[in-house]
């Protein structure tokens, strides 16, 4: 795939705002989802089902709204770097906006790996005061 095709796959993920149908279409079944320690659900998840059930399930249980907004994209071969921010509203009504950087690996047109870095302190304060 070309750099632009890889960026298109990553952009599609963000533009879906977490649509599970799109997520299943763009993520590899064996995706590795590596979330910064300290971020809610921080850790490494293996496989699409684990990402959906073990990461997103608990995360969405703490927020009324939570999605990623991609702002800048850079590609080099199978790697795509995305700069952006998360938008969210907790179950208690606290709004949160958190910057992130995502390093994606694209394999055969699918998202095969995410490595995330984000300001987990901002999320913690929104969730816990």
C-alpha atoms as a PDB file:
ATOM      1  CA  UNK A   1       0.000   0.000   0.000  1.00  0.00           C
ATOM      2  CA  UNK A   2       1.083   3.552  -0.564  1.00  0.00           C
ATOM      3  CA  UNK A   3       1.566   6.028   2.259  1.00  0.00           C
ATOM      4  CA  UNK A   4      -1.616   7.821   1.200  1.00  0.00           C
ATOM      5  CA  UNK A   5      -3.629   4.568   1.240  1.00  0.00           C
ATOM      6  CA  UNK A   6      -2.351   3.826   4.741  1.00  0.00           C
ATOM      7  CA  UNK A   7      -3.306   7.313   5.911  1.00  0.00           C
ATOM      8  CA  UNK A   8      -6.768   6.819   4.378  1.00  0.00           C
ATOM      9  CA  UNK A   9      -7.328   3.689   6.507  1.00  0.00           C
ATOM     10  CA  UNK A  10      -6.285   5.524   9.664  1.00  0.00           C
ATOM     11  CA  UNK A  11      -8.428   8.569   8.793  1.00  0.00           C
ATOM     12  CA  UNK A  12     -11.419   6.295   8.259  1.00  0.00           C
ATOM     13  CA  UNK A  13     -11.053   4.985  11.799  1.00  0.00           C
ATOM     14  CA  UNK A  14     -11.108   8.502  13.271  1.00  0.00           C
ATOM     15  CA  UNK A  15     -13.874   9.780  11.018  1.00  0.00           C
ATOM     16  CA  UNK A  16     -16.133   6.928  12.162  1.00  0.00           C
ATOM     17  CA  UNK A  17     -16.018   8.256  15.775  1.00  0.00           C
ATOM     18  CA  UNK A  18     -15.897   4.711  17.089  1.00  0.00           C
ATOM     19  CA  UNK A  19     -18.525   3.135  14.844  1.00  0.00           C
ATOM     20  CA  UNK A  20     -18.145  -0.593  15.610  1.00  0.00           C
ATOM     21  CA  UNK A  21     -18.962  -1.602  12.024  1.00  0.00           C
ATOM     22  CA  UNK A  22     -16.146   0.565  10.660  1.00  0.00           C
ATOM     23  CA  UNK A  23     -13.782  -0.585  13.411  1.00  0.00           C
ATOM     24  CA  UNK A  24     -14.333  -4.208  12.441  1.00  0.00           C
ATOM     25  CA  UNK A  25     -13.776  -3.368   8.771  1.00  0.00           C
ATOM     26  CA  UNK A  26     -10.479  -1.511   9.296  1.00  0.00           C
ATOM     27  CA  UNK A  27      -8.901  -3.432  12.196  1.00  0.00           C
ATOM     28  CA  UNK A  28      -7.035  -6.687  11.677  1.00  0.00           C
ATOM     29  CA  UNK A  29      -8.523  -9.552  13.721  1.00  0.00           C
ATOM     30  CA  UNK A  30      -5.161  -9.929  15.499  1.00  0.00           C
ATOM     31  CA  UNK A  31      -4.627  -6.204  16.180  1.00  0.00           C
ATOM     32  CA  UNK A  32      -2.342  -5.240  19.066  1.00  0.00           C
ATOM     33  CA  UNK A  33      -3.724  -2.266  21.036  1.00  0.00           C
ATOM     34  CA  UNK A  34      -1.064  -0.697  23.286  1.00  0.00           C
ATOM     35  CA  UNK A  35      -2.435   1.998  25.617  1.00  0.00           C
ATOM     36  CA  UNK A  36      -0.323   4.256  27.844  1.00  0.00           C
ATOM     37  CA  UNK A  37      -0.093   3.150  31.488  1.00  0.00           C
ATOM     38  CA  UNK A  38      -2.168   5.489  33.650  1.00  0.00           C
ATOM     39  CA  UNK A  39      -4.743   6.030  30.917  1.00  0.00           C
ATOM     40  CA  UNK A  40      -8.078   4.340  31.739  1.00  0.00           C
ATOM     41  CA  UNK A  41      -7.633   0.740  30.646  1.00  0.00           C
ATOM     42  CA  UNK A  42      -3.919   1.265  30.044  1.00  0.00           C
ATOM     43  CA  UNK A  43      -2.173  -1.914  28.922  1.00  0.00           C
ATOM     44  CA  UNK A  44      -1.764  -4.117  25.878  1.00  0.00           C
ATOM     45  CA  UNK A  45      -4.725  -5.883  24.267  1.00  0.00           C
ATOM     46  CA  UNK A  46      -4.422  -8.646  21.698  1.00  0.00           C
ATOM     47  CA  UNK A  47      -7.098  -9.175  19.092  1.00  0.00           C
ATOM     48  CA  UNK A  48     -10.174  -7.286  17.951  1.00  0.00           C
ATOM     49  CA  UNK A  49     -12.492  -8.927  20.488  1.00  0.00           C
ATOM     50  CA  UNK A  50     -10.219  -7.976  23.388  1.00  0.00           C
ATOM     51  CA  UNK A  51      -9.964  -4.377  22.158  1.00  0.00           C
ATOM     52  CA  UNK A  52     -13.752  -4.080  21.937  1.00  0.00           C
ATOM     53  CA  UNK A  53     -14.690  -5.970  25.108  1.00  0.00           C
ATOM     54  CA  UNK A  54     -11.764  -5.415  27.458  1.00  0.00           C
ATOM     55  CA  UNK A  55     -10.695  -1.890  26.500  1.00  0.00           C
ATOM     56  CA  UNK A  56     -13.629  -0.046  24.917  1.00  0.00           C
ATOM     57  CA  UNK A  57     -16.337  -1.729  27.018  1.00  0.00           C
ATOM     58  CA  UNK A  58     -15.034  -0.438  30.361  1.00  0.00           C
ATOM     59  CA  UNK A  59     -13.927   2.901  28.849  1.00  0.00           C
ATOM     60  CA  UNK A  60     -17.347   3.656  27.377  1.00  0.00           C
ATOM     61  CA  UNK A  61     -18.891   2.658  30.705  1.00  0.00           C
ATOM     62  CA  UNK A  62     -17.209   5.721  32.242  1.00  0.00           C
ATOM     63  CA  UNK A  63     -18.136   8.224  29.510  1.00  0.00           C
ATOM     64  CA  UNK A  64     -21.341   9.327  27.829  1.00  0.00           C
ATOM     65  CA  UNK A  65     -19.263  10.407  24.831  1.00  0.00           C
ATOM     66  CA  UNK A  66     -15.652   9.592  23.991  1.00  0.00           C
ATOM     67  CA  UNK A  67     -13.973   9.621  20.576  1.00  0.00           C
ATOM     68  CA  UNK A  68     -10.668  10.464  18.913  1.00  0.00           C
ATOM     69  CA  UNK A  69     -10.176  13.332  16.468  1.00  0.00           C
ATOM     70  CA  UNK A  70      -7.229  12.953  14.103  1.00  0.00           C
ATOM     71  CA  UNK A  71      -5.665  16.274  13.118  1.00  0.00           C
ATOM     72  CA  UNK A  72      -2.306  15.619  11.439  1.00  0.00           C
ATOM     73  CA  UNK A  73      -1.101  12.473   9.689  1.00  0.00           C
ATOM     74  CA  UNK A  74       2.353  11.401   8.557  1.00  0.00           C
ATOM     75  CA  UNK A  75       3.258   8.118   6.895  1.00  0.00           C
ATOM     76  CA  UNK A  76       6.432   6.189   6.263  1.00  0.00           C
ATOM     77  CA  UNK A  77       5.845   2.810   4.707  1.00  0.00           C
ATOM     78  CA  UNK A  78       3.525   0.754   6.894  1.00  0.00           C
ATOM     79  CA  UNK A  79       3.635   3.246   9.786  1.00  0.00           C
ATOM     80  CA  UNK A  80       1.261   6.181  10.220  1.00  0.00           C
ATOM     81  CA  UNK A  81       1.654   8.791  12.946  1.00  0.00           C
ATOM     82  CA  UNK A  82      -1.496  10.652  13.931  1.00  0.00           C
ATOM     83  CA  UNK A  83      -1.593  13.710  16.158  1.00  0.00           C
ATOM     84  CA  UNK A  84      -4.956  14.655  17.571  1.00  0.00           C
ATOM     85  CA  UNK A  85      -7.144  14.821  20.631  1.00  0.00           C
ATOM     86  CA  UNK A  86      -9.840  12.898  22.431  1.00  0.00           C
ATOM     87  CA  UNK A  87     -13.218  14.533  23.050  1.00  0.00           C
ATOM     88  CA  UNK A  88     -15.302  13.255  25.896  1.00  0.00           C
ATOM     89  CA  UNK A  89     -17.981  13.794  28.464  1.00  0.00           C
ATOM     90  CA  UNK A  90     -17.929  11.681  31.609  1.00  0.00           C
ATOM     91  CA  UNK A  91     -20.998  10.070  33.176  1.00  0.00           C
ATOM     92  CA  UNK A  92     -20.907  12.899  35.752  1.00  0.00           C
ATOM     93  CA  UNK A  93     -21.025  15.540  32.993  1.00  0.00           C
ATOM     94  CA  UNK A  94     -17.403  16.663  33.042  1.00  0.00           C
ATOM     95  CA  UNK A  95     -16.088  17.559  29.591  1.00  0.00           C
ATOM     96  CA  UNK A  96     -12.576  16.551  28.670  1.00  0.00           C
ATOM     97  CA  UNK A  97     -10.236  17.212  25.769  1.00  0.00           C
ATOM     98  CA  UNK A  98      -6.927  15.328  25.755  1.00  0.00           C
ATOM     99  CA  UNK A  99      -4.067  15.458  23.256  1.00  0.00           C
ATOM    100  CA  UNK A 100      -2.687  12.206  21.873  1.00  0.00           C
ATOM    101  CA  UNK A 101      -0.172  10.784  19.483  1.00  0.00           C
ATOM    102  CA  UNK A 102      -0.915   7.452  17.863  1.00  0.00           C
ATOM    103  CA  UNK A 103       1.548   5.307  15.987  1.00  0.00           C
ATOM    104  CA  UNK A 104      -0.331   2.894  13.737  1.00  0.00           C
ATOM    105  CA  UNK A 105       1.038  -0.071  11.831  1.00  0.00           C
ATOM    106  CA  UNK A 106      -0.934  -0.966   8.719  1.00  0.00           C
ATOM    107  CA  UNK A 107      -0.713  -4.481   7.288  1.00  0.00           C
ATOM    108  CA  UNK A 108      -2.543  -5.553   4.126  1.00  0.00           C
ATOM    109  CA  UNK A 109      -4.842  -2.536   4.310  1.00  0.00           C
ATOM    110  CA  UNK A 110      -5.858  -3.161   7.948  1.00  0.00           C
ATOM    111  CA  UNK A 111      -4.842  -1.575  11.231  1.00  0.00           C
ATOM    112  CA  UNK A 112      -2.528  -4.143  12.803  1.00  0.00           C
ATOM    113  CA  UNK A 113      -1.129  -2.219  15.775  1.00  0.00           C
ATOM    114  CA  UNK A 114      -1.772   0.945  17.766  1.00  0.00           C
ATOM    115  CA  UNK A 115       0.754   2.474  20.137  1.00  0.00           C
ATOM    116  CA  UNK A 116      -0.818   5.348  22.054  1.00  0.00           C
ATOM    117  CA  UNK A 117       0.609   8.165  24.134  1.00  0.00           C
ATOM    118  CA  UNK A 118      -1.800  10.596  25.775  1.00  0.00           C
ATOM    119  CA  UNK A 119      -2.033  12.917  28.736  1.00  0.00           C
ATOM    120  CA  UNK A 120      -3.559  10.455  31.178  1.00  0.00           C
ATOM    121  CA  UNK A 121      -3.544  13.004  34.024  1.00  0.00           C
ATOM    122  CA  UNK A 122      -6.173  15.123  32.245  1.00  0.00           C
ATOM    123  CA  UNK A 123      -8.433  12.073  31.849  1.00  0.00           C
ATOM    124  CA  UNK A 124      -7.902  11.030  35.465  1.00  0.00           C
ATOM    125  CA  UNK A 125      -8.878  14.495  36.715  1.00  0.00           C
ATOM    126  CA  UNK A 126     -12.022  14.496  34.571  1.00  0.00           C
ATOM    127  CA  UNK A 127     -13.031  11.085  35.909  1.00  0.00           C
ATOM    128  CA  UNK A 128     -11.963  11.469  39.535  1.00  0.00           C
ATOM    129  CA  UNK A 129     -11.986  15.188  40.280  1.00  0.00           C
END
